[in-house]
Each structure stands twice: as structure tokens, then as C-alpha cells.
């Protein structure tokens, strides 16, 4: 999560991370963008495709206090705690891999998957 100072600031942050998506920072609500951009594995010399599934959204975090001690109807208080950009990642090799991979290749592939995840988080949606 990337904490932001309000909804407009969060939408502006996502605009920078998602250059191919047009986001109106002041009028966009309930934003969610999900995409899978496959790429070819360098670690396995092109023998395998990699899924780079990313889901981007803006969330508002609120605290809700409910006081049930006041009799017939509970008293409810809402307090906005913060706003943030949220990123969910699922970076993995596709199941259609032909043949087996060695333990060295598995280690290289794991490093590649982590590097791709970090790249998405740092640089945004990359084609």
C-alpha cells in the first residue's frame, strides 16, 4: 500500500503508475484496474511464459465505532483513517512449461519472478 493524502492524491499517484489508463483524479471513485501482461522468461531462455497479473485500486480505510450500550438503537460513529493506493500481484510461471527445469533454473526463475514483481511495484504497469 502507498499511503496518500486523500482520494484525489491517490488517484494522481495511480495515474503516474498506470500511464495507459486515464483517471480523473477529482471525480473518480471506486477505481480498480486489473491486467495480466505476459512476458517471456529470460531465466529459462524463452522456454516459458510468465504471468504478470497486477490489480491496482484506491482504498479508503475507516474506523467504525458502534456503541450498543445506549438502549434501543446503537450509536454509530465513522472516522476516516486514511487513503492509499493498493497493489495486488500474482507473478508466476505458466503451467504449460515443456519438460523439467533444473534446481539452478528454478532458483533463477524465482529470482526473475521477484524482480518482475518489484519492477511492477516501483515502475507501475509496464508493457
Foldseek 3Di string as FASTA:
>chain_A
DAFDDDQLRQQVVQCQQCVVDDTDSPPDDFDKDWDWDKDADVLVPRQWIKTWIKMKTKDWDKDWDWAPPPPDHIDIDIDTDGMHMDMDTDIGIDPPRPDDDDPSSVVSVVVVSVVSVVCCVVRHDDD
